[in-house]
């Protein structure tokens, strides 16, 4: 059975604290785009919600990720580790609903 592919779109939210045109936001968005295909292979997806000035990244899980028992491991060992490795300014990654 072949899984349905989700569209390759990052949803960007604008706020005064987190302009989507900031260099930090753009760096994080670029890394998220590199991570997304592996998450989409399992029927899930993520969206970048915000990146604040302290380097805290907020993401939202979608699709099969919702309720997945491996979600915490994916967040901490996969997404957060990759973002911290590739974007020095990232201090923490949190999932929001």
Foldseek 3Di string as FASTA:
>chain_A
DQDDADDQDADEDDDPQFHCPDPLNVQLVVLQSVVAVVQRRVQKGKHWYGAGPQQETEMEIGTPLVPDPCNVVCQPVNSLVSCCVRRVSHDYYDYDD
